[in-house]
Amino acid sequence: YDKSRFFQKIWTKKAGHDIMSRNKGGGYNQMAETKSYHEQLQIDQ
């Protein structure tokens, strides 16, 4: 339970940074939103 709560918090926080990139000051810059795997697969097919 403790381990699962720990990773849920980490990856939830990371999900918020999916469309961000680090700048030189250590902050984040907004990036173009990337397609999900399933969206990209649909496009490729």
ModelCIF file with pLDDT and N, C-alpha, C, O atoms, coordinates in Angstrom:
data_MODEL
#
_entry.id   MODEL 
#
_entity.id                         1 
_entity.type                       polymer 
_entity.pdbx_number_of_molecules   1 
#
_entity_poly.entity_id                      1 
_entity_poly.type                           'polypeptide(L)' 
_entity_poly.nstd_linkage                   no 
_entity_poly.nstd_monomer                   no 
_entity_poly.pdbx_seq_one_letter_code       YDKSRFFQKIWTKKAGHDIMSRNKGGGYNQMAETKSYHEQLQIDQ 
_entity_poly.pdbx_seq_one_letter_code_can   YDKSRFFQKIWTKKAGHDIMSRNKGGGYNQMAETKSYHEQLQIDQ 
_entity_poly.pdbx_strand_id                 A 
#
loop_
_entity_poly_seq.entity_id 
_entity_poly_seq.num 
_entity_poly_seq.mon_id 
_entity_poly_seq.hetero 
1 1  TYR n 
1 2  ASP n 
1 3  LYS n 
1 4  SER n 
1 5  ARG n 
1 6  PHE n 
1 7  PHE n 
1 8  GLN n 
1 9  LYS n 
1 10 ILE n 
1 11 TRP n 
1 12 THR n 
1 13 LYS n 
1 14 LYS n 
1 15 ALA n 
1 16 GLY n 
1 17 HIS n 
1 18 ASP n 
1 19 ILE n 
1 20 MET n 
1 21 SER n 
1 22 ARG n 
1 23 ASN n 
1 24 LYS n 
1 25 GLY n 
1 26 GLY n 
1 27 GLY n 
1 28 TYR n 
1 29 ASN n 
1 30 GLN n 
1 31 MET n 
1 32 ALA n 
1 33 GLU n 
1 34 THR n 
1 35 LYS n 
1 36 SER n 
1 37 TYR n 
1 38 HIS n 
1 39 GLU n 
1 40 GLN n 
1 41 LEU n 
1 42 GLN n 
1 43 ILE n 
1 44 ASP n 
1 45 GLN n 
#
_struct_asym.id          A 
_struct_asym.entity_id   1 
#
loop_
_ma_qa_metric.id 
_ma_qa_metric.mode 
_ma_qa_metric.name 
_ma_qa_metric.software_group_id 
_ma_qa_metric.type 
1 global pLDDT . pLDDT 
2 local  pLDDT . pLDDT 
#
_ma_qa_metric_global.metric_id      1 
_ma_qa_metric_global.metric_value   59.53 
_ma_qa_metric_global.model_id       1 
_ma_qa_metric_global.ordinal_id     1 
#
loop_
_ma_qa_metric_local.label_asym_id 
_ma_qa_metric_local.label_comp_id 
_ma_qa_metric_local.label_seq_id 
_ma_qa_metric_local.metric_id 
_ma_qa_metric_local.metric_value 
_ma_qa_metric_local.model_id 
_ma_qa_metric_local.ordinal_id 
A TYR 1  2 54.00 1 1  
A ASP 2  2 56.00 1 2  
A LYS 3  2 56.00 1 3  
A SER 4  2 58.00 1 4  
A ARG 5  2 61.00 1 5  
A PHE 6  2 53.00 1 6  
A PHE 7  2 54.00 1 7  
A GLN 8  2 57.00 1 8  
A LYS 9  2 54.00 1 9  
A ILE 10 2 52.00 1 10 
A TRP 11 2 53.00 1 11 
A THR 12 2 54.00 1 12 
A LYS 13 2 51.00 1 13 
A LYS 14 2 54.00 1 14 
A ALA 15 2 50.00 1 15 
A GLY 16 2 50.00 1 16 
A HIS 17 2 49.00 1 17 
A ASP 18 2 49.00 1 18 
A ILE 19 2 39.00 1 19 
A MET 20 2 43.00 1 20 
A SER 21 2 44.00 1 21 
A ARG 22 2 43.00 1 22 
A ASN 23 2 48.00 1 23 
A LYS 24 2 47.00 1 24 
A GLY 25 2 50.00 1 25 
A GLY 26 2 48.00 1 26 
A GLY 27 2 49.00 1 27 
A TYR 28 2 44.00 1 28 
A ASN 29 2 47.00 1 29 
A GLN 30 2 44.00 1 30 
A MET 31 2 42.00 1 31 
A ALA 32 2 42.00 1 32 
A GLU 33 2 48.00 1 33 
A THR 34 2 66.00 1 34 
A LYS 35 2 76.00 1 35 
A SER 36 2 81.00 1 36 
A TYR 37 2 87.00 1 37 
A HIS 38 2 87.00 1 38 
A GLU 39 2 87.00 1 39 
A GLN 40 2 89.00 1 40 
A LEU 41 2 90.00 1 41 
A GLN 42 2 91.00 1 42 
A ILE 43 2 93.00 1 43 
A ASP 44 2 94.00 1 44 
A GLN 45 2 95.00 1 45 
#
loop_
_atom_site.group_PDB 
_atom_site.id 
_atom_site.type_symbol 
_atom_site.label_atom_id 
_atom_site.label_alt_id 
_atom_site.label_comp_id 
_atom_site.label_asym_id 
_atom_site.label_entity_id 
_atom_site.label_seq_id 
_atom_site.pdbx_PDB_ins_code 
_atom_site.Cartn_x 
_atom_site.Cartn_y 
_atom_site.Cartn_z 
_atom_site.occupancy 
_atom_site.B_iso_or_equiv 
_atom_site.pdbx_formal_charge 
_atom_site.auth_seq_id 
_atom_site.auth_comp_id 
_atom_site.auth_asym_id 
_atom_site.auth_atom_id 
_atom_site.pdbx_PDB_model_num 
ATOM 1   N N  . TYR A 1 1  ? 0.829  -1.206 0.000   1.00 54.00 ? 1  TYR A N  1 
ATOM 2   C CA . TYR A 1 1  ? 0.000  0.000  0.000   1.00 54.00 ? 1  TYR A CA 1 
ATOM 3   C C  . TYR A 1 1  ? 0.864  1.257  0.000   1.00 54.00 ? 1  TYR A C  1 
ATOM 4   O O  . TYR A 1 1  ? 0.620  2.187  -0.768  1.00 54.00 ? 1  TYR A O  1 
ATOM 5   N N  . ASP A 1 2  ? 1.877  1.276  0.871   1.00 56.00 ? 2  ASP A N  1 
ATOM 6   C CA . ASP A 1 2  ? 2.757  2.444  0.958   1.00 56.00 ? 2  ASP A CA 1 
ATOM 7   C C  . ASP A 1 2  ? 3.528  2.655  -0.338  1.00 56.00 ? 2  ASP A C  1 
ATOM 8   O O  . ASP A 1 2  ? 3.669  3.780  -0.819  1.00 56.00 ? 2  ASP A O  1 
ATOM 9   N N  . LYS A 1 3  ? 4.021  1.556  -0.893  1.00 56.00 ? 3  LYS A N  1 
ATOM 10  C CA . LYS A 1 3  ? 4.800  1.637  -2.128  1.00 56.00 ? 3  LYS A CA 1 
ATOM 11  C C  . LYS A 1 3  ? 3.936  2.120  -3.292  1.00 56.00 ? 3  LYS A C  1 
ATOM 12  O O  . LYS A 1 3  ? 4.374  2.934  -4.105  1.00 56.00 ? 3  LYS A O  1 
ATOM 13  N N  . SER A 1 4  ? 2.706  1.611  -3.363  1.00 58.00 ? 4  SER A N  1 
ATOM 14  C CA . SER A 1 4  ? 1.815  1.997  -4.457  1.00 58.00 ? 4  SER A CA 1 
ATOM 15  C C  . SER A 1 4  ? 1.437  3.474  -4.354  1.00 58.00 ? 4  SER A C  1 
ATOM 16  O O  . SER A 1 4  ? 1.359  4.166  -5.370  1.00 58.00 ? 4  SER A O  1 
ATOM 17  N N  . ARG A 1 5  ? 1.201  3.966  -3.122  1.00 61.00 ? 5  ARG A N  1 
ATOM 18  C CA . ARG A 1 5  ? 0.879  5.392  -2.933  1.00 61.00 ? 5  ARG A CA 1 
ATOM 19  C C  . ARG A 1 5  ? 2.054  6.268  -3.352  1.00 61.00 ? 5  ARG A C  1 
ATOM 20  O O  . ARG A 1 5  ? 1.868  7.330  -3.947  1.00 61.00 ? 5  ARG A O  1 
ATOM 21  N N  . PHE A 1 6  ? 3.267  5.813  -3.037  1.00 53.00 ? 6  PHE A N  1 
ATOM 22  C CA . PHE A 1 6  ? 4.467  6.572  -3.378  1.00 53.00 ? 6  PHE A CA 1 
ATOM 23  C C  . PHE A 1 6  ? 4.590  6.741  -4.890  1.00 53.00 ? 6  PHE A C  1 
ATOM 24  O O  . PHE A 1 6  ? 4.799  7.851  -5.380  1.00 53.00 ? 6  PHE A O  1 
ATOM 25  N N  . PHE A 1 7  ? 4.457  5.629  -5.632  1.00 54.00 ? 7  PHE A N  1 
ATOM 26  C CA . PHE A 1 7  ? 4.606  5.699  -7.089  1.00 54.00 ? 7  PHE A CA 1 
ATOM 27  C C  . PHE A 1 7  ? 3.439  6.408  -7.757  1.00 54.00 ? 7  PHE A C  1 
ATOM 28  O O  . PHE A 1 7  ? 3.610  7.052  -8.792  1.00 54.00 ? 7  PHE A O  1 
ATOM 29  N N  . GLN A 1 8  ? 2.237  6.291  -7.160  1.00 57.00 ? 8  GLN A N  1 
ATOM 30  C CA . GLN A 1 8  ? 1.101  6.992  -7.735  1.00 57.00 ? 8  GLN A CA 1 
ATOM 31  C C  . GLN A 1 8  ? 1.326  8.499  -7.689  1.00 57.00 ? 8  GLN A C  1 
ATOM 32  O O  . GLN A 1 8  ? 0.995  9.215  -8.635  1.00 57.00 ? 8  GLN A O  1 
ATOM 33  N N  . LYS A 1 9  ? 1.897  8.980  -6.570  1.00 54.00 ? 9  LYS A N  1 
ATOM 34  C CA . LYS A 1 9  ? 2.178  10.412 -6.434  1.00 54.00 ? 9  LYS A CA 1 
ATOM 35  C C  . LYS A 1 9  ? 3.243  10.856 -7.427  1.00 54.00 ? 9  LYS A C  1 
ATOM 36  O O  . LYS A 1 9  ? 3.102  11.894 -8.073  1.00 54.00 ? 9  LYS A O  1 
ATOM 37  N N  . ILE A 1 10 ? 4.315  10.064 -7.549  1.00 52.00 ? 10 ILE A N  1 
ATOM 38  C CA . ILE A 1 10 ? 5.418  10.413 -8.457  1.00 52.00 ? 10 ILE A CA 1 
ATOM 39  C C  . ILE A 1 10 ? 4.928  10.527 -9.894  1.00 52.00 ? 10 ILE A C  1 
ATOM 40  O O  . ILE A 1 10 ? 5.196  11.519 -10.570 1.00 52.00 ? 10 ILE A O  1 
ATOM 41  N N  . TRP A 1 11 ? 4.206  9.505  -10.360 1.00 53.00 ? 11 TRP A N  1 
ATOM 42  C CA . TRP A 1 11 ? 3.811  9.487  -11.766 1.00 53.00 ? 11 TRP A CA 1 
ATOM 43  C C  . TRP A 1 11 ? 2.662  10.433 -12.062 1.00 53.00 ? 11 TRP A C  1 
ATOM 44  O O  . TRP A 1 11 ? 2.518  10.896 -13.193 1.00 53.00 ? 11 TRP A O  1 
ATOM 45  N N  . THR A 1 12 ? 1.837  10.729 -11.054 1.00 54.00 ? 12 THR A N  1 
ATOM 46  C CA . THR A 1 12 ? 0.799  11.746 -11.252 1.00 54.00 ? 12 THR A CA 1 
ATOM 47  C C  . THR A 1 12 ? 1.440  13.100 -11.449 1.00 54.00 ? 12 THR A C  1 
ATOM 48  O O  . THR A 1 12 ? 1.007  13.892 -12.286 1.00 54.00 ? 12 THR A O  1 
ATOM 49  N N  . LYS A 1 13 ? 2.492  13.365 -10.658 1.00 51.00 ? 13 LYS A N  1 
ATOM 50  C CA . LYS A 1 13 ? 3.213  14.634 -10.781 1.00 51.00 ? 13 LYS A CA 1 
ATOM 51  C C  . LYS A 1 13 ? 3.919  14.707 -12.132 1.00 51.00 ? 13 LYS A C  1 
ATOM 52  O O  . LYS A 1 13 ? 3.930  15.755 -12.778 1.00 51.00 ? 13 LYS A O  1 
ATOM 53  N N  . LYS A 1 14 ? 4.509  13.584 -12.558 1.00 54.00 ? 14 LYS A N  1 
ATOM 54  C CA . LYS A 1 14 ? 5.206  13.555 -13.853 1.00 54.00 ? 14 LYS A CA 1 
ATOM 55  C C  . LYS A 1 14 ? 4.234  13.766 -15.008 1.00 54.00 ? 14 LYS A C  1 
ATOM 56  O O  . LYS A 1 14 ? 4.581  14.373 -16.021 1.00 54.00 ? 14 LYS A O  1 
ATOM 57  N N  . ALA A 1 15 ? 3.029  13.265 -14.849 1.00 50.00 ? 15 ALA A N  1 
ATOM 58  C CA . ALA A 1 15 ? 2.037  13.404 -15.918 1.00 50.00 ? 15 ALA A CA 1 
ATOM 59  C C  . ALA A 1 15 ? 1.761  14.868 -16.200 1.00 50.00 ? 15 ALA A C  1 
ATOM 60  O O  . ALA A 1 15 ? 1.467  15.243 -17.335 1.00 50.00 ? 15 ALA A O  1 
ATOM 61  N N  . GLY A 1 16 ? 1.854  15.696 -15.168 1.00 50.00 ? 16 GLY A N  1 
ATOM 62  C CA . GLY A 1 16 ? 1.633  17.129 -15.350 1.00 50.00 ? 16 GLY A CA 1 
ATOM 63  C C  . GLY A 1 16 ? 2.739  17.801 -16.107 1.00 50.00 ? 16 GLY A C  1 
ATOM 64  O O  . GLY A 1 16 ? 2.571  18.910 -16.613 1.00 50.00 ? 16 GLY A O  1 
ATOM 65  N N  . HIS A 1 17 ? 3.893  17.127 -16.191 1.00 49.00 ? 17 HIS A N  1 
ATOM 66  C CA . HIS A 1 17 ? 5.044  17.693 -16.898 1.00 49.00 ? 17 HIS A CA 1 
ATOM 67  C C  . HIS A 1 17 ? 5.254  17.062 -18.266 1.00 49.00 ? 17 HIS A C  1 
ATOM 68  O O  . HIS A 1 17 ? 6.272  17.297 -18.917 1.00 49.00 ? 17 HIS A O  1 
ATOM 69  N N  . ASP A 1 18 ? 4.280  16.254 -18.701 1.00 49.00 ? 18 ASP A N  1 
ATOM 70  C CA . ASP A 1 18 ? 4.419  15.556 -19.988 1.00 49.00 ? 18 ASP A CA 1 
ATOM 71  C C  . ASP A 1 18 ? 4.641  16.503 -21.150 1.00 49.00 ? 18 ASP A C  1 
ATOM 72  O O  . ASP A 1 18 ? 5.352  16.178 -22.101 1.00 49.00 ? 18 ASP A O  1 
ATOM 73  N N  . ILE A 1 19 ? 4.024  17.685 -21.069 1.00 39.00 ? 19 ILE A N  1 
ATOM 74  C CA . ILE A 1 19 ? 4.131  18.601 -22.207 1.00 39.00 ? 19 ILE A CA 1 
ATOM 75  C C  . ILE A 1 19 ? 5.019  19.794 -21.847 1.00 39.00 ? 19 ILE A C  1 
ATOM 76  O O  . ILE A 1 19 ? 4.855  20.901 -22.361 1.00 39.00 ? 19 ILE A O  1 
ATOM 77  N N  . MET A 1 20 ? 5.982  19.519 -20.929 1.00 43.00 ? 20 MET A N  1 
ATOM 78  C CA . MET A 1 20 ? 6.894  20.578 -20.505 1.00 43.00 ? 20 MET A CA 1 
ATOM 79  C C  . MET A 1 20 ? 8.327  20.138 -20.770 1.00 43.00 ? 20 MET A C  1 
ATOM 80  O O  . MET A 1 20 ? 8.609  18.942 -20.843 1.00 43.00 ? 20 MET A O  1 
ATOM 81  N N  . SER A 1 21 ? 9.219  21.089 -20.911 1.00 44.00 ? 21 SER A N  1 
ATOM 82  C CA . SER A 1 21 ? 10.641 20.788 -21.043 1.00 44.00 ? 21 SER A CA 1 
ATOM 83  C C  . SER A 1 21 ? 11.419 21.724 -20.133 1.00 44.00 ? 21 SER A C  1 
ATOM 84  O O  . SER A 1 21 ? 11.002 22.861 -19.913 1.00 44.00 ? 21 SER A O  1 
ATOM 85  N N  . ARG A 1 22 ? 12.537 21.263 -19.605 1.00 43.00 ? 22 ARG A N  1 
ATOM 86  C CA . ARG A 1 22 ? 13.327 22.078 -18.691 1.00 43.00 ? 22 ARG A CA 1 
ATOM 87  C C  . ARG A 1 22 ? 14.048 23.196 -19.442 1.00 43.00 ? 22 ARG A C  1 
ATOM 88  O O  . ARG A 1 22 ? 14.549 23.005 -20.550 1.00 43.00 ? 22 ARG A O  1 
ATOM 89  N N  . ASN A 1 23 ? 14.085 24.371 -18.804 1.00 48.00 ? 23 ASN A N  1 
ATOM 90  C CA . ASN A 1 23 ? 14.884 25.450 -19.359 1.00 48.00 ? 23 ASN A CA 1 
ATOM 91  C C  . ASN A 1 23 ? 16.198 25.548 -18.581 1.00 48.00 ? 23 ASN A C  1 
ATOM 92  O O  . ASN A 1 23 ? 16.411 24.792 -17.633 1.00 48.00 ? 23 ASN A O  1 
ATOM 93  N N  . LYS A 1 24 ? 17.060 26.452 -18.965 1.00 47.00 ? 24 LYS A N  1 
ATOM 94  C CA . LYS A 1 24 ? 18.380 26.540 -18.337 1.00 47.00 ? 24 LYS A CA 1 
ATOM 95  C C  . LYS A 1 24 ? 18.295 26.866 -16.852 1.00 47.00 ? 24 LYS A C  1 
ATOM 96  O O  . LYS A 1 24 ? 19.182 26.486 -16.088 1.00 47.00 ? 24 LYS A O  1 
ATOM 97  N N  . GLY A 1 25 ? 17.252 27.557 -16.432 1.00 50.00 ? 25 GLY A N  1 
ATOM 98  C CA . GLY A 1 25 ? 17.109 27.916 -15.025 1.00 50.00 ? 25 GLY A CA 1 
ATOM 99  C C  . GLY A 1 25 ? 16.522 26.804 -14.177 1.00 50.00 ? 25 GLY A C  1 
ATOM 100 O O  . GLY A 1 25 ? 16.297 26.979 -12.980 1.00 50.00 ? 25 GLY A O  1 
ATOM 101 N N  . GLY A 1 26 ? 16.273 25.656 -14.802 1.00 48.00 ? 26 GLY A N  1 
ATOM 102 C CA . GLY A 1 26 ? 15.726 24.531 -14.054 1.00 48.00 ? 26 GLY A CA 1 
ATOM 103 C C  . GLY A 1 26 ? 14.219 24.492 -14.042 1.00 48.00 ? 26 GLY A C  1 
ATOM 104 O O  . GLY A 1 26 ? 13.629 23.562 -13.492 1.00 48.00 ? 26 GLY A O  1 
ATOM 105 N N  . GLY A 1 27 ? 13.573 25.502 -14.648 1.00 49.00 ? 27 GLY A N  1 
ATOM 106 C CA . GLY A 1 27 ? 12.118 25.522 -14.725 1.00 49.00 ? 27 GLY A CA 1 
ATOM 107 C C  . GLY A 1 27 ? 11.638 24.754 -15.936 1.00 49.00 ? 27 GLY A C  1 
ATOM 108 O O  . GLY A 1 27 ? 12.387 23.994 -16.550 1.00 49.00 ? 27 GLY A O  1 
ATOM 109 N N  . TYR A 1 28 ? 10.383 24.965 -16.268 1.00 44.00 ? 28 TYR A N  1 
ATOM 110 C CA . TYR A 1 28 ? 9.801  24.234 -17.395 1.00 44.00 ? 28 TYR A CA 1 
ATOM 111 C C  . TYR A 1 28 ? 9.253  25.187 -18.451 1.00 44.00 ? 28 TYR A C  1 
ATOM 112 O O  . TYR A 1 28 ? 8.682  26.229 -18.128 1.00 44.00 ? 28 TYR A O  1 
ATOM 113 N N  . ASN A 1 29 ? 9.428  24.825 -19.689 1.00 47.00 ? 29 ASN A N  1 
ATOM 114 C CA . ASN A 1 29 ? 8.850  25.552 -20.814 1.00 47.00 ? 29 ASN A CA 1 
ATOM 115 C C  . ASN A 1 29 ? 7.699  24.738 -21.388 1.00 47.00 ? 29 ASN A C  1 
ATOM 116 O O  . ASN A 1 29 ? 7.756  23.508 -21.420 1.00 47.00 ? 29 ASN A O  1 
ATOM 117 N N  . GLN A 1 30 ? 6.661  25.418 -21.836 1.00 44.00 ? 30 GLN A N  1 
ATOM 118 C CA . GLN A 1 30 ? 5.529  24.725 -22.450 1.00 44.00 ? 30 GLN A CA 1 
ATOM 119 C C  . GLN A 1 30 ? 5.936  24.174 -23.812 1.00 44.00 ? 30 GLN A C  1 
ATOM 120 O O  . GLN A 1 30 ? 6.553  24.876 -24.613 1.00 44.00 ? 30 GLN A O  1 
ATOM 121 N N  . MET A 1 31 ? 5.588  22.913 -24.071 1.00 42.00 ? 31 MET A N  1 
ATOM 122 C CA . MET A 1 31 ? 5.895  22.275 -25.353 1.00 42.00 ? 31 MET A CA 1 
ATOM 123 C C  . MET A 1 31 ? 4.593  21.938 -26.069 1.00 42.00 ? 31 MET A C  1 
ATOM 124 O O  . MET A 1 31 ? 3.517  21.905 -25.471 1.00 42.00 ? 31 MET A O  1 
ATOM 125 N N  . ALA A 1 32 ? 4.724  21.694 -27.342 1.00 42.00 ? 32 ALA A N  1 
ATOM 126 C CA . ALA A 1 32 ? 3.550  21.255 -28.109 1.00 42.00 ? 32 ALA A CA 1 
ATOM 127 C C  . ALA A 1 32 ? 3.088  19.910 -27.556 1.00 42.00 ? 32 ALA A C  1 
ATOM 128 O O  . ALA A 1 32 ? 3.904  19.023 -27.307 1.00 42.00 ? 32 ALA A O  1 
ATOM 129 N N  . GLU A 1 33 ? 1.794  19.762 -27.367 1.00 48.00 ? 33 GLU A N  1 
ATOM 130 C CA . GLU A 1 33 ? 1.266  18.525 -26.805 1.00 48.00 ? 33 GLU A CA 1 
ATOM 131 C C  . GLU A 1 33 ? 1.519  17.362 -27.751 1.00 48.00 ? 33 GLU A C  1 
ATOM 132 O O  . GLU A 1 33 ? 1.228  17.441 -28.945 1.00 48.00 ? 33 GLU A O  1 
ATOM 133 N N  . THR A 1 34 ? 2.072  16.268 -27.194 1.00 66.00 ? 34 THR A N  1 
ATOM 134 C CA . THR A 1 34 ? 2.381  15.102 -28.011 1.00 66.00 ? 34 THR A CA 1 
ATOM 135 C C  . THR A 1 34 ? 1.159  14.201 -28.100 1.00 66.00 ? 34 THR A C  1 
ATOM 136 O O  . THR A 1 34 ? 0.305  14.202 -27.214 1.00 66.00 ? 34 THR A O  1 
ATOM 137 N N  . LYS A 1 35 ? 1.090  13.441 -29.170 1.00 76.00 ? 35 LYS A N  1 
ATOM 138 C CA . LYS A 1 35 ? -0.004 12.503 -29.366 1.00 76.00 ? 35 LYS A CA 1 
ATOM 139 C C  . LYS A 1 35 ? 0.192  11.308 -28.433 1.00 76.00 ? 35 LYS A C  1 
ATOM 140 O O  . LYS A 1 35 ? 1.321  10.911 -28.142 1.00 76.00 ? 35 LYS A O  1 
ATOM 141 N N  . SER A 1 36 ? -0.908 10.750 -27.976 1.00 81.00 ? 36 SER A N  1 
ATOM 142 C CA . SER A 1 36 ? -0.814 9.527  -27.186 1.00 81.00 ? 36 SER A CA 1 
ATOM 143 C C  . SER A 1 36 ? -0.421 8.377  -28.112 1.00 81.00 ? 36 SER A C  1 
ATOM 144 O O  . SER A 1 36 ? -0.491 8.492  -29.336 1.00 81.00 ? 36 SER A O  1 
ATOM 145 N N  . TYR A 1 37 ? -0.008 7.268  -27.503 1.00 87.00 ? 37 TYR A N  1 
ATOM 146 C CA . TYR A 1 37 ? 0.402  6.100  -28.285 1.00 87.00 ? 37 TYR A CA 1 
ATOM 147 C C  . TYR A 1 37 ? -0.728 5.653  -29.214 1.00 87.00 ? 37 TYR A C  1 
ATOM 148 O O  . TYR A 1 37 ? -0.494 5.353  -30.384 1.00 87.00 ? 37 TYR A O  1 
ATOM 149 N N  . HIS A 1 38 ? -1.941 5.610  -28.690 1.00 87.00 ? 38 HIS A N  1 
ATOM 150 C CA . HIS A 1 38 ? -3.074 5.112  -29.473 1.00 87.00 ? 38 HIS A CA 1 
ATOM 151 C C  . HIS A 1 38 ? -3.472 6.091  -30.577 1.00 87.00 ? 38 HIS A C  1 
ATOM 152 O O  . HIS A 1 38 ? -3.871 5.675  -31.665 1.00 87.00 ? 38 HIS A O  1 
ATOM 153 N N  . GLU A 1 39 ? -3.365 7.375  -30.299 1.00 87.00 ? 39 GLU A N  1 
ATOM 154 C CA . GLU A 1 39 ? -3.649 8.379  -31.332 1.00 87.00 ? 39 GLU A CA 1 
ATOM 155 C C  . GLU A 1 39 ? -2.623 8.291  -32.454 1.00 87.00 ? 39 GLU A C  1 
ATOM 156 O O  . GLU A 1 39 ? -2.974 8.338  -33.633 1.00 87.00 ? 39 GLU A O  1 
ATOM 157 N N  . GLN A 1 40 ? -1.348 8.162  -32.077 1.00 89.00 ? 40 GLN A N  1 
ATOM 158 C CA . GLN A 1 40 ? -0.293 8.072  -33.084 1.00 89.00 ? 40 GLN A CA 1 
ATOM 159 C C  . GLN A 1 40 ? -0.401 6.787  -33.888 1.00 89.00 ? 40 GLN A C  1 
ATOM 160 O O  . GLN A 1 40 ? -0.161 6.775  -35.095 1.00 89.00 ? 40 GLN A O  1 
ATOM 161 N N  . LEU A 1 41 ? -0.767 5.698  -33.203 1.00 90.00 ? 41 LEU A N  1 
ATOM 162 C CA . LEU A 1 41 ? -0.940 4.417  -33.891 1.00 90.00 ? 41 LEU A CA 1 
ATOM 163 C C  . LEU A 1 41 ? -2.047 4.511  -34.929 1.00 90.00 ? 41 LEU A C  1 
ATOM 164 O O  . LEU A 1 41 ? -1.919 3.990  -36.037 1.00 90.00 ? 41 LEU A O  1 
ATOM 165 N N  . GLN A 1 42 ? -3.138 5.183  -34.560 1.00 91.00 ? 42 GLN A N  1 
ATOM 166 C CA . GLN A 1 42 ? -4.263 5.375  -35.483 1.00 91.00 ? 42 GLN A CA 1 
ATOM 167 C C  . GLN A 1 42 ? -3.831 6.168  -36.710 1.00 91.00 ? 42 GLN A C  1 
ATOM 168 O O  . GLN A 1 42 ? -4.205 5.841  -37.836 1.00 91.00 ? 42 GLN A O  1 
ATOM 169 N N  . ILE A 1 43 ? -3.040 7.213  -36.479 1.00 93.00 ? 43 ILE A N  1 
ATOM 170 C CA . ILE A 1 43 ? -2.547 8.050  -37.581 1.00 93.00 ? 43 ILE A CA 1 
ATOM 171 C C  . ILE A 1 43 ? -1.630 7.232  -38.499 1.00 93.00 ? 43 ILE A C  1 
ATOM 172 O O  . ILE A 1 43 ? -1.768 7.263  -39.722 1.00 93.00 ? 43 ILE A O  1 
ATOM 173 N N  . ASP A 1 44 ? -0.694 6.502  -37.886 1.00 94.00 ? 44 ASP A N  1 
ATOM 174 C CA . ASP A 1 44 ? 0.258  5.702  -38.667 1.00 94.00 ? 44 ASP A CA 1 
ATOM 175 C C  . ASP A 1 44 ? -0.459 4.649  -39.509 1.00 94.00 ? 44 ASP A C  1 
ATOM 176 O O  . ASP A 1 44 ? -0.128 4.444  -40.677 1.00 94.00 ? 44 ASP A O  1 
ATOM 177 N N  . GLN A 1 45 ? -1.439 3.988  -38.907 1.00 95.00 ? 45 GLN A N  1 
ATOM 178 C CA . GLN A 1 45 ? -2.159 2.945  -39.632 1.00 95.00 ? 45 GLN A CA 1 
ATOM 179 C C  . GLN A 1 45 ? -3.025 3.519  -40.750 1.00 95.00 ? 45 GLN A C  1 
ATOM 180 O O  . GLN A 1 45 ? -3.698 2.769  -41.457 1.00 95.00 ? 45 GLN A O  1 
#
